[in-house]
């Protein structure tokens, strides 16, 4: 499915930690796009489509590299382990895919 030029799209935040979900929702919640929160890769795969900007925990991204093959407007990785930096190879892979 290709993104619609008239659709605002949607943001999907995928993170296993409730506290991080709330923080990420506060960061992106002021947009005109609807925001969906999911806790794992399986739930993320169900809601991602061509109008999605997906904000994904690095742990989920590493566990499910096939996610980047799904059509989306953008894939954005956030570091796992709180604010610890993500491994450079993980970031490079996600940037190349998105």
PDB file of N, CA and C in Angstrom:
ATOM      1  N   UNK A   1       0.842  -1.172   0.000  1.00  0.00           N
ATOM      2  CA  UNK A   1       0.000   0.000   0.000  1.00  0.00           C
ATOM      3  C   UNK A   1       0.889   1.237   0.000  1.00  0.00           C
ATOM      4  N   UNK A   2       0.683   2.123  -0.929  1.00  0.00           N
ATOM      5  CA  UNK A   2       1.453   3.354  -1.015  1.00  0.00           C
ATOM      6  C   UNK A   2       0.825   4.423  -0.120  1.00  0.00           C
ATOM      7  N   UNK A   3       1.630   5.314   0.479  1.00  0.00           N
ATOM      8  CA  UNK A   3       1.082   6.376   1.306  1.00  0.00           C
ATOM      9  C   UNK A   3       0.214   7.307   0.476  1.00  0.00           C
ATOM     10  N   UNK A   4      -0.846   7.739   1.072  1.00  0.00           N
ATOM     11  CA  UNK A   4      -1.750   8.676   0.413  1.00  0.00           C
ATOM     12  C   UNK A   4      -1.267  10.093   0.632  1.00  0.00           C
ATOM     13  N   UNK A   5      -1.318  10.921  -0.428  1.00  0.00           N
ATOM     14  CA  UNK A   5      -0.858  12.303  -0.288  1.00  0.00           C
ATOM     15  C   UNK A   5      -1.813  13.129   0.573  1.00  0.00           C
ATOM     16  N   UNK A   6      -3.061  12.665   0.743  1.00  0.00           N
ATOM     17  CA  UNK A   6      -4.019  13.407   1.566  1.00  0.00           C
ATOM     18  C   UNK A   6      -4.104  12.849   2.982  1.00  0.00           C
ATOM     19  N   UNK A   7      -3.553  11.686   3.211  1.00  0.00           N
ATOM     20  CA  UNK A   7      -3.615  11.061   4.524  1.00  0.00           C
ATOM     21  C   UNK A   7      -2.510  11.594   5.419  1.00  0.00           C
ATOM     22  N   UNK A   8      -2.840  11.923   6.679  1.00  0.00           N
ATOM     23  CA  UNK A   8      -1.784  12.356   7.590  1.00  0.00           C
ATOM     24  C   UNK A   8      -0.905  11.196   8.036  1.00  0.00           C
ATOM     25  N   UNK A   9      -1.319   9.984   7.719  1.00  0.00           N
ATOM     26  CA  UNK A   9      -0.564   8.819   8.157  1.00  0.00           C
ATOM     27  C   UNK A   9      -0.828   8.522   9.614  1.00  0.00           C
ATOM     28  N   UNK A  10       0.014   7.679  10.162  1.00  0.00           N
ATOM     29  CA  UNK A  10      -0.094   7.338  11.574  1.00  0.00           C
ATOM     30  C   UNK A  10       1.291   7.062  12.114  1.00  0.00           C
ATOM     31  N   UNK A  11       1.436   7.254  13.395  1.00  0.00           N
ATOM     32  CA  UNK A  11       2.678   6.945  14.095  1.00  0.00           C
ATOM     33  C   UNK A  11       2.422   5.714  14.947  1.00  0.00           C
ATOM     34  N   UNK A  12       3.347   4.772  14.912  1.00  0.00           N
ATOM     35  CA  UNK A  12       3.253   3.594  15.761  1.00  0.00           C
ATOM     36  C   UNK A  12       4.517   3.530  16.603  1.00  0.00           C
ATOM     37  N   UNK A  13       4.342   3.508  17.905  1.00  0.00           N
ATOM     38  CA  UNK A  13       5.450   3.394  18.846  1.00  0.00           C
ATOM     39  C   UNK A  13       5.473   1.950  19.331  1.00  0.00           C
ATOM     40  N   UNK A  14       6.611   1.261  19.109  1.00  0.00           N
ATOM     41  CA  UNK A  14       6.766  -0.121  19.539  1.00  0.00           C
ATOM     42  C   UNK A  14       7.897  -0.199  20.559  1.00  0.00           C
ATOM     43  N   UNK A  15       7.528  -0.427  21.796  1.00  0.00           N
ATOM     44  CA  UNK A  15       8.517  -0.515  22.874  1.00  0.00           C
ATOM     45  C   UNK A  15       7.950  -1.405  23.965  1.00  0.00           C
ATOM     46  N   UNK A  16       8.763  -2.304  24.528  1.00  0.00           N
ATOM     47  CA  UNK A  16       8.246  -3.223  25.549  1.00  0.00           C
ATOM     48  C   UNK A  16       8.025  -2.584  26.923  1.00  0.00           C
ATOM     49  N   UNK A  17       8.666  -1.470  27.207  1.00  0.00           N
ATOM     50  CA  UNK A  17       8.582  -0.853  28.534  1.00  0.00           C
ATOM     51  C   UNK A  17       7.513   0.233  28.561  1.00  0.00           C
ATOM     52  N   UNK A  18       6.593   0.110  29.497  1.00  0.00           N
ATOM     53  CA  UNK A  18       5.481   1.056  29.606  1.00  0.00           C
ATOM     54  C   UNK A  18       5.966   2.493  29.821  1.00  0.00           C
ATOM     55  N   UNK A  19       6.969   2.654  30.641  1.00  0.00           N
ATOM     56  CA  UNK A  19       7.488   4.004  30.911  1.00  0.00           C
ATOM     57  C   UNK A  19       8.026   4.655  29.631  1.00  0.00           C
ATOM     58  N   UNK A  20       8.773   3.898  28.854  1.00  0.00           N
ATOM     59  CA  UNK A  20       9.302   4.410  27.592  1.00  0.00           C
ATOM     60  C   UNK A  20       8.177   4.677  26.599  1.00  0.00           C
ATOM     61  N   UNK A  21       7.150   3.819  26.586  1.00  0.00           N
ATOM     62  CA  UNK A  21       5.992   4.051  25.719  1.00  0.00           C
ATOM     63  C   UNK A  21       5.365   5.417  26.012  1.00  0.00           C
ATOM     64  N   UNK A  22       5.172   5.707  27.297  1.00  0.00           N
ATOM     65  CA  UNK A  22       4.559   6.987  27.682  1.00  0.00           C
ATOM     66  C   UNK A  22       5.448   8.164  27.277  1.00  0.00           C
ATOM     67  N   UNK A  23       6.753   8.037  27.487  1.00  0.00           N
ATOM     68  CA  UNK A  23       7.674   9.121  27.134  1.00  0.00           C
ATOM     69  C   UNK A  23       7.677   9.360  25.622  1.00  0.00           C
ATOM     70  N   UNK A  24       7.725   8.293  24.849  1.00  0.00           N
ATOM     71  CA  UNK A  24       7.717   8.434  23.399  1.00  0.00           C
ATOM     72  C   UNK A  24       6.377   8.990  22.913  1.00  0.00           C
ATOM     73  N   UNK A  25       5.292   8.571  23.549  1.00  0.00           N
ATOM     74  CA  UNK A  25       3.977   9.091  23.172  1.00  0.00           C
ATOM     75  C   UNK A  25       3.906  10.595  23.423  1.00  0.00           C
ATOM     76  N   UNK A  26       4.473  11.047  24.542  1.00  0.00           N
ATOM     77  CA  UNK A  26       4.489  12.491  24.826  1.00  0.00           C
ATOM     78  C   UNK A  26       5.284  13.241  23.757  1.00  0.00           C
ATOM     79  N   UNK A  27       6.366  12.647  23.276  1.00  0.00           N
ATOM     80  CA  UNK A  27       7.195  13.300  22.263  1.00  0.00           C
ATOM     81  C   UNK A  27       6.477  13.446  20.931  1.00  0.00           C
ATOM     82  N   UNK A  28       5.731  12.434  20.540  1.00  0.00           N
ATOM     83  CA  UNK A  28       5.112  12.456  19.207  1.00  0.00           C
ATOM     84  C   UNK A  28       3.618  12.749  19.240  1.00  0.00           C
ATOM     85  N   UNK A  29       3.035  12.806  20.418  1.00  0.00           N
ATOM     86  CA  UNK A  29       1.586  12.952  20.549  1.00  0.00           C
ATOM     87  C   UNK A  29       1.021  14.272  20.076  1.00  0.00           C
ATOM     88  N   UNK A  30       1.842  15.289  19.921  1.00  0.00           N
ATOM     89  CA  UNK A  30       1.350  16.604  19.496  1.00  0.00           C
ATOM     90  C   UNK A  30       1.187  16.708  17.985  1.00  0.00           C
ATOM     91  N   UNK A  31       1.501  15.656  17.264  1.00  0.00           N
ATOM     92  CA  UNK A  31       1.368  15.684  15.808  1.00  0.00           C
ATOM     93  C   UNK A  31      -0.093  15.571  15.411  1.00  0.00           C
ATOM     94  N   UNK A  32      -0.370  15.813  14.147  1.00  0.00           N
ATOM     95  CA  UNK A  32      -1.738  15.673  13.646  1.00  0.00           C
ATOM     96  C   UNK A  32      -2.058  14.231  13.273  1.00  0.00           C
ATOM     97  N   UNK A  33      -1.087  13.335  13.422  1.00  0.00           N
ATOM     98  CA  UNK A  33      -1.280  11.924  13.095  1.00  0.00           C
ATOM     99  C   UNK A  33      -1.783  11.159  14.319  1.00  0.00           C
ATOM    100  N   UNK A  34      -2.612  10.157  14.096  1.00  0.00           N
ATOM    101  CA  UNK A  34      -2.958   9.284  15.222  1.00  0.00           C
ATOM    102  C   UNK A  34      -1.720   8.512  15.678  1.00  0.00           C
ATOM    103  N   UNK A  35      -1.632   8.252  16.974  1.00  0.00           N
ATOM    104  CA  UNK A  35      -0.495   7.530  17.548  1.00  0.00           C
ATOM    105  C   UNK A  35      -0.999   6.223  18.143  1.00  0.00           C
ATOM    106  N   UNK A  36      -0.357   5.126  17.744  1.00  0.00           N
ATOM    107  CA  UNK A  36      -0.686   3.804  18.274  1.00  0.00           C
ATOM    108  C   UNK A  36       0.509   3.321  19.078  1.00  0.00           C
ATOM    109  N   UNK A  37       0.254   2.698  20.211  1.00  0.00           N
ATOM    110  CA  UNK A  37       1.304   2.154  21.067  1.00  0.00           C
ATOM    111  C   UNK A  37       1.185   0.640  21.069  1.00  0.00           C
ATOM    112  N   UNK A  38       2.294  -0.050  20.799  1.00  0.00           N
ATOM    113  CA  UNK A  38       2.330  -1.504  20.871  1.00  0.00           C
ATOM    114  C   UNK A  38       3.548  -1.918  21.682  1.00  0.00           C
ATOM    115  N   UNK A  39       3.498  -3.134  22.230  1.00  0.00           N
ATOM    116  CA  UNK A  39       4.564  -3.580  23.119  1.00  0.00           C
ATOM    117  C   UNK A  39       5.526  -4.580  22.499  1.00  0.00           C
ATOM    118  N   UNK A  40       5.198  -5.098  21.303  1.00  0.00           N
ATOM    119  CA  UNK A  40       6.078  -6.115  20.726  1.00  0.00           C
ATOM    120  C   UNK A  40       6.021  -6.096  19.207  1.00  0.00           C
ATOM    121  N   UNK A  41       6.912  -6.863  18.616  1.00  0.00           N
ATOM    122  CA  UNK A  41       7.032  -6.896  17.165  1.00  0.00           C
ATOM    123  C   UNK A  41       5.823  -7.477  16.463  1.00  0.00           C
ATOM    124  N   UNK A  42       5.185  -8.478  17.068  1.00  0.00           N
ATOM    125  CA  UNK A  42       4.008  -9.079  16.439  1.00  0.00           C
ATOM    126  C   UNK A  42       2.879  -8.058  16.320  1.00  0.00           C
ATOM    127  N   UNK A  43       2.651  -7.300  17.373  1.00  0.00           N
ATOM    128  CA  UNK A  43       1.611  -6.265  17.334  1.00  0.00           C
ATOM    129  C   UNK A  43       1.990  -5.171  16.343  1.00  0.00           C
ATOM    130  N   UNK A  44       3.266  -4.845  16.281  1.00  0.00           N
ATOM    131  CA  UNK A  44       3.740  -3.835  15.330  1.00  0.00           C
ATOM    132  C   UNK A  44       3.466  -4.286  13.901  1.00  0.00           C
ATOM    133  N   UNK A  45       3.795  -5.539  13.589  1.00  0.00           N
ATOM    134  CA  UNK A  45       3.598  -6.062  12.240  1.00  0.00           C
ATOM    135  C   UNK A  45       2.133  -5.997  11.818  1.00  0.00           C
ATOM    136  N   UNK A  46       1.224  -6.125  12.773  1.00  0.00           N
ATOM    137  CA  UNK A  46      -0.209  -6.085  12.460  1.00  0.00           C
ATOM    138  C   UNK A  46      -0.689  -4.698  12.052  1.00  0.00           C
ATOM    139  N   UNK A  47      -0.071  -3.632  12.565  1.00  0.00           N
ATOM    140  CA  UNK A  47      -0.590  -2.284  12.317  1.00  0.00           C
ATOM    141  C   UNK A  47       0.213  -1.471  11.313  1.00  0.00           C
ATOM    142  N   UNK A  48       1.398  -1.952  10.928  1.00  0.00           N
ATOM    143  CA  UNK A  48       2.225  -1.202   9.973  1.00  0.00           C
ATOM    144  C   UNK A  48       1.658  -1.334   8.568  1.00  0.00           C
ATOM    145  N   UNK A  49       1.537  -0.191   7.892  1.00  0.00           N
ATOM    146  CA  UNK A  49       1.157  -0.176   6.485  1.00  0.00           C
ATOM    147  C   UNK A  49       1.910   0.957   5.802  1.00  0.00           C
ATOM    148  N   UNK A  50       1.586   1.255   4.589  1.00  0.00           N
ATOM    149  CA  UNK A  50       2.304   2.266   3.815  1.00  0.00           C
ATOM    150  C   UNK A  50       2.181   3.672   4.346  1.00  0.00           C
ATOM    151  N   UNK A  51       1.245   3.929   5.260  1.00  0.00           N
ATOM    152  CA  UNK A  51       1.067   5.259   5.848  1.00  0.00           C
ATOM    153  C   UNK A  51       1.693   5.381   7.232  1.00  0.00           C
ATOM    154  N   UNK A  52       2.455   4.391   7.658  1.00  0.00           N
ATOM    155  CA  UNK A  52       2.986   4.330   9.018  1.00  0.00           C
ATOM    156  C   UNK A  52       4.391   4.904   9.127  1.00  0.00           C
ATOM    157  N   UNK A  53       4.603   5.695  10.162  1.00  0.00           N
ATOM    158  CA  UNK A  53       5.943   6.034  10.627  1.00  0.00           C
ATOM    159  C   UNK A  53       6.105   5.221  11.902  1.00  0.00           C
ATOM    160  N   UNK A  54       7.012   4.252  11.867  1.00  0.00           N
ATOM    161  CA  UNK A  54       7.192   3.339  12.991  1.00  0.00           C
ATOM    162  C   UNK A  54       8.402   3.739  13.817  1.00  0.00           C
ATOM    163  N   UNK A  55       8.180   3.917  15.116  1.00  0.00           N
ATOM    164  CA  UNK A  55       9.241   4.251  16.068  1.00  0.00           C
ATOM    165  C   UNK A  55       9.441   2.993  16.905  1.00  0.00           C
ATOM    166  N   UNK A  56      10.582   2.325  16.708  1.00  0.00           N
ATOM    167  CA  UNK A  56      10.766   0.965  17.202  1.00  0.00           C
ATOM    168  C   UNK A  56      11.944   0.864  18.151  1.00  0.00           C
ATOM    169  N   UNK A  57      11.730   0.207  19.273  1.00  0.00           N
ATOM    170  CA  UNK A  57      12.804  -0.106  20.210  1.00  0.00           C
ATOM    171  C   UNK A  57      13.854  -0.955  19.497  1.00  0.00           C
ATOM    172  N   UNK A  58      15.123  -0.673  19.740  1.00  0.00           N
ATOM    173  CA  UNK A  58      16.211  -1.392  19.078  1.00  0.00           C
ATOM    174  C   UNK A  58      16.157  -2.891  19.347  1.00  0.00           C
ATOM    175  N   UNK A  59      15.726  -3.287  20.533  1.00  0.00           N
ATOM    176  CA  UNK A  59      15.614  -4.713  20.842  1.00  0.00           C
ATOM    177  C   UNK A  59      14.596  -5.412  19.960  1.00  0.00           C
ATOM    178  N   UNK A  60      13.468  -4.765  19.722  1.00  0.00           N
ATOM    179  CA  UNK A  60      12.446  -5.324  18.829  1.00  0.00           C
ATOM    180  C   UNK A  60      12.992  -5.367  17.407  1.00  0.00           C
ATOM    181  N   UNK A  61      13.669  -4.304  16.996  1.00  0.00           N
ATOM    182  CA  UNK A  61      14.232  -4.250  15.642  1.00  0.00           C
ATOM    183  C   UNK A  61      15.262  -5.356  15.426  1.00  0.00           C
ATOM    184  N   UNK A  62      16.094  -5.613  16.432  1.00  0.00           N
ATOM    185  CA  UNK A  62      17.097  -6.680  16.310  1.00  0.00           C
ATOM    186  C   UNK A  62      16.439  -8.054  16.282  1.00  0.00           C
ATOM    187  N   UNK A  63      15.385  -8.232  17.071  1.00  0.00           N
ATOM    188  CA  UNK A  63      14.726  -9.536  17.158  1.00  0.00           C
ATOM    189  C   UNK A  63      13.914  -9.857  15.909  1.00  0.00           C
ATOM    190  N   UNK A  64      13.477  -8.819  15.190  1.00  0.00           N
ATOM    191  CA  UNK A  64      12.622  -9.025  14.013  1.00  0.00           C
ATOM    192  C   UNK A  64      13.151  -8.221  12.825  1.00  0.00           C
ATOM    193  N   UNK A  65      14.314  -8.573  12.289  1.00  0.00           N
ATOM    194  CA  UNK A  65      14.872  -7.794  11.174  1.00  0.00           C
ATOM    195  C   UNK A  65      13.971  -7.795   9.945  1.00  0.00           C
ATOM    196  N   UNK A  66      13.063  -8.764   9.843  1.00  0.00           N
ATOM    197  CA  UNK A  66      12.159  -8.814   8.692  1.00  0.00           C
ATOM    198  C   UNK A  66      11.160  -7.658   8.683  1.00  0.00           C
ATOM    199  N   UNK A  67      11.014  -6.958   9.794  1.00  0.00           N
ATOM    200  CA  UNK A  67      10.099  -5.810   9.840  1.00  0.00           C
ATOM    201  C   UNK A  67      10.477  -4.757   8.804  1.00  0.00           C
ATOM    202  N   UNK A  68      11.772  -4.565   8.583  1.00  0.00           N
ATOM    203  CA  UNK A  68      12.204  -3.524   7.659  1.00  0.00           C
ATOM    204  C   UNK A  68      11.820  -3.817   6.222  1.00  0.00           C
ATOM    205  N   UNK A  69      11.408  -5.052   5.932  1.00  0.00           N
ATOM    206  CA  UNK A  69      10.951  -5.394   4.591  1.00  0.00           C
ATOM    207  C   UNK A  69       9.500  -4.966   4.359  1.00  0.00           C
ATOM    208  N   UNK A  70       8.800  -4.605   5.425  1.00  0.00           N
ATOM    209  CA  UNK A  70       7.405  -4.176   5.304  1.00  0.00           C
ATOM    210  C   UNK A  70       7.359  -2.741   4.805  1.00  0.00           C
ATOM    211  N   UNK A  71       6.347  -2.448   4.028  1.00  0.00           N
ATOM    212  CA  UNK A  71       6.169  -1.101   3.501  1.00  0.00           C
ATOM    213  C   UNK A  71       5.748  -0.151   4.622  1.00  0.00           C
ATOM    214  N   UNK A  72       6.451   0.970   4.740  1.00  0.00           N
ATOM    215  CA  UNK A  72       6.126   2.007   5.726  1.00  0.00           C
ATOM    216  C   UNK A  72       6.716   3.317   5.228  1.00  0.00           C
ATOM    217  N   UNK A  73       6.178   4.429   5.729  1.00  0.00           N
ATOM    218  CA  UNK A  73       6.770   5.727   5.367  1.00  0.00           C
ATOM    219  C   UNK A  73       8.179   5.835   5.911  1.00  0.00           C
ATOM    220  N   UNK A  74       8.383   5.379   7.147  1.00  0.00           N
ATOM    221  CA  UNK A  74       9.712   5.453   7.768  1.00  0.00           C
ATOM    222  C   UNK A  74       9.802   4.482   8.927  1.00  0.00           C
ATOM    223  N   UNK A  75      11.013   3.993   9.149  1.00  0.00           N
ATOM    224  CA  UNK A  75      11.346   3.184  10.318  1.00  0.00           C
ATOM    225  C   UNK A  75      12.347   3.988  11.138  1.00  0.00           C
ATOM    226  N   UNK A  76      12.053   4.214  12.402  1.00  0.00           N
ATOM    227  CA  UNK A  76      12.939   4.979  13.283  1.00  0.00           C
ATOM    228  C   UNK A  76      13.266   4.093  14.480  1.00  0.00           C
ATOM    229  N   UNK A  77      14.547   3.878  14.729  1.00  0.00           N
ATOM    230  CA  UNK A  77      14.966   3.056  15.862  1.00  0.00           C
ATOM    231  C   UNK A  77      15.296   3.938  17.051  1.00  0.00           C
ATOM    232  N   UNK A  78      14.877   3.496  18.221  1.00  0.00           N
ATOM    233  CA  UNK A  78      15.257   4.175  19.458  1.00  0.00           C
ATOM    234  C   UNK A  78      16.118   3.200  20.263  1.00  0.00           C
ATOM    235  N   UNK A  79      17.089   3.708  20.997  1.00  0.00           N
ATOM    236  CA  UNK A  79      17.967   2.815  21.759  1.00  0.00           C
ATOM    237  C   UNK A  79      17.191   1.993  22.771  1.00  0.00           C
ATOM    238  N   UNK A  80      17.657   0.783  22.988  1.00  0.00           N
ATOM    239  CA  UNK A  80      17.111  -0.043  24.057  1.00  0.00           C
ATOM    240  C   UNK A  80      17.793   0.328  25.359  1.00  0.00           C
ATOM    241  N   UNK A  81      17.479  -0.385  26.410  1.00  0.00           N
ATOM    242  CA  UNK A  81      18.114  -0.165  27.713  1.00  0.00           C
ATOM    243  C   UNK A  81      18.057   1.292  28.142  1.00  0.00           C
ATOM    244  N   UNK A  82      16.869   1.844  28.167  1.00  0.00           N
ATOM    245  CA  UNK A  82      16.733   3.237  28.576  1.00  0.00           C
ATOM    246  C   UNK A  82      17.324   4.158  27.542  1.00  0.00           C
ATOM    247  N   UNK A  83      18.314   4.942  27.928  1.00  0.00           N
ATOM    248  CA  UNK A  83      18.915   5.882  26.998  1.00  0.00           C
ATOM    249  C   UNK A  83      20.307   5.457  26.544  1.00  0.00           C
ATOM    250  N   UNK A  84      20.652   4.182  26.754  1.00  0.00           N
ATOM    251  CA  UNK A  84      21.954   3.692  26.309  1.00  0.00           C
ATOM    252  C   UNK A  84      22.018   3.748  24.787  1.00  0.00           C
ATOM    253  N   UNK A  85      23.173   4.071  24.227  1.00  0.00           N
ATOM    254  CA  UNK A  85      23.273   4.139  22.766  1.00  0.00           C
ATOM    255  C   UNK A  85      23.081   2.768  22.123  1.00  0.00           C
ATOM    256  N   UNK A  86      22.458   2.765  20.969  1.00  0.00           N
ATOM    257  CA  UNK A  86      22.277   1.523  20.224  1.00  0.00           C
ATOM    258  C   UNK A  86      23.591   1.142  19.556  1.00  0.00           C
ATOM    259  N   UNK A  87      23.750  -0.131  19.273  1.00  0.00           N
ATOM    260  CA  UNK A  87      24.945  -0.588  18.566  1.00  0.00           C
ATOM    261  C   UNK A  87      24.966   0.052  17.182  1.00  0.00           C
ATOM    262  N   UNK A  88      26.133   0.485  16.760  1.00  0.00           N
ATOM    263  CA  UNK A  88      26.258   1.185  15.482  1.00  0.00           C
ATOM    264  C   UNK A  88      25.744   0.343  14.312  1.00  0.00           C
ATOM    265  N   UNK A  89      26.006  -0.957  14.312  1.00  0.00           N
ATOM    266  CA  UNK A  89      25.555  -1.814  13.215  1.00  0.00           C
ATOM    267  C   UNK A  89      24.032  -1.858  13.138  1.00  0.00           C
ATOM    268  N   UNK A  90      23.361  -1.862  14.281  1.00  0.00           N
ATOM    269  CA  UNK A  90      21.897  -1.860  14.298  1.00  0.00           C
ATOM    270  C   UNK A  90      21.360  -0.579  13.712  1.00  0.00           C
ATOM    271  N   UNK A  91      21.914   0.537  14.117  1.00  0.00           N
ATOM    272  CA  UNK A  91      21.481   1.832  13.600  1.00  0.00           C
ATOM    273  C   UNK A  91      21.733   1.914  12.100  1.00  0.00           C
ATOM    274  N   UNK A  92      22.909   1.470  11.646  1.00  0.00           N
ATOM    275  CA  UNK A  92      23.232   1.486  10.214  1.00  0.00           C
ATOM    276  C   UNK A  92      22.234   0.645   9.416  1.00  0.00           C
ATOM    277  N   UNK A  93      21.899  -0.526   9.924  1.00  0.00           N
ATOM    278  CA  UNK A  93      20.950  -1.399   9.229  1.00  0.00           C
ATOM    279  C   UNK A  93      19.582  -0.749   9.112  1.00  0.00           C
ATOM    280  N   UNK A  94      19.111  -0.144  10.201  1.00  0.00           N
ATOM    281  CA  UNK A  94      17.790   0.494  10.169  1.00  0.00           C
ATOM    282  C   UNK A  94      17.795   1.737   9.288  1.00  0.00           C
ATOM    283  N   UNK A  95      18.873   2.503   9.309  1.00  0.00           N
ATOM    284  CA  UNK A  95      18.944   3.669   8.440  1.00  0.00           C
ATOM    285  C   UNK A  95      18.964   3.263   6.962  1.00  0.00           C
ATOM    286  N   UNK A  96      19.680   2.197   6.658  1.00  0.00           N
ATOM    287  CA  UNK A  96      19.730   1.726   5.271  1.00  0.00           C
ATOM    288  C   UNK A  96      18.363   1.247   4.809  1.00  0.00           C
ATOM    289  N   UNK A  97      17.579   0.697   5.724  1.00  0.00           N
ATOM    290  CA  UNK A  97      16.267   0.180   5.366  1.00  0.00           C
ATOM    291  C   UNK A  97      15.216   1.271   5.276  1.00  0.00           C
ATOM    292  N   UNK A  98      15.407   2.355   6.002  1.00  0.00           N
ATOM    293  CA  UNK A  98      14.326   3.320   6.116  1.00  0.00           C
ATOM    294  C   UNK A  98      14.538   4.613   5.457  1.00  0.00           C
TER     295      UNK A  98
END
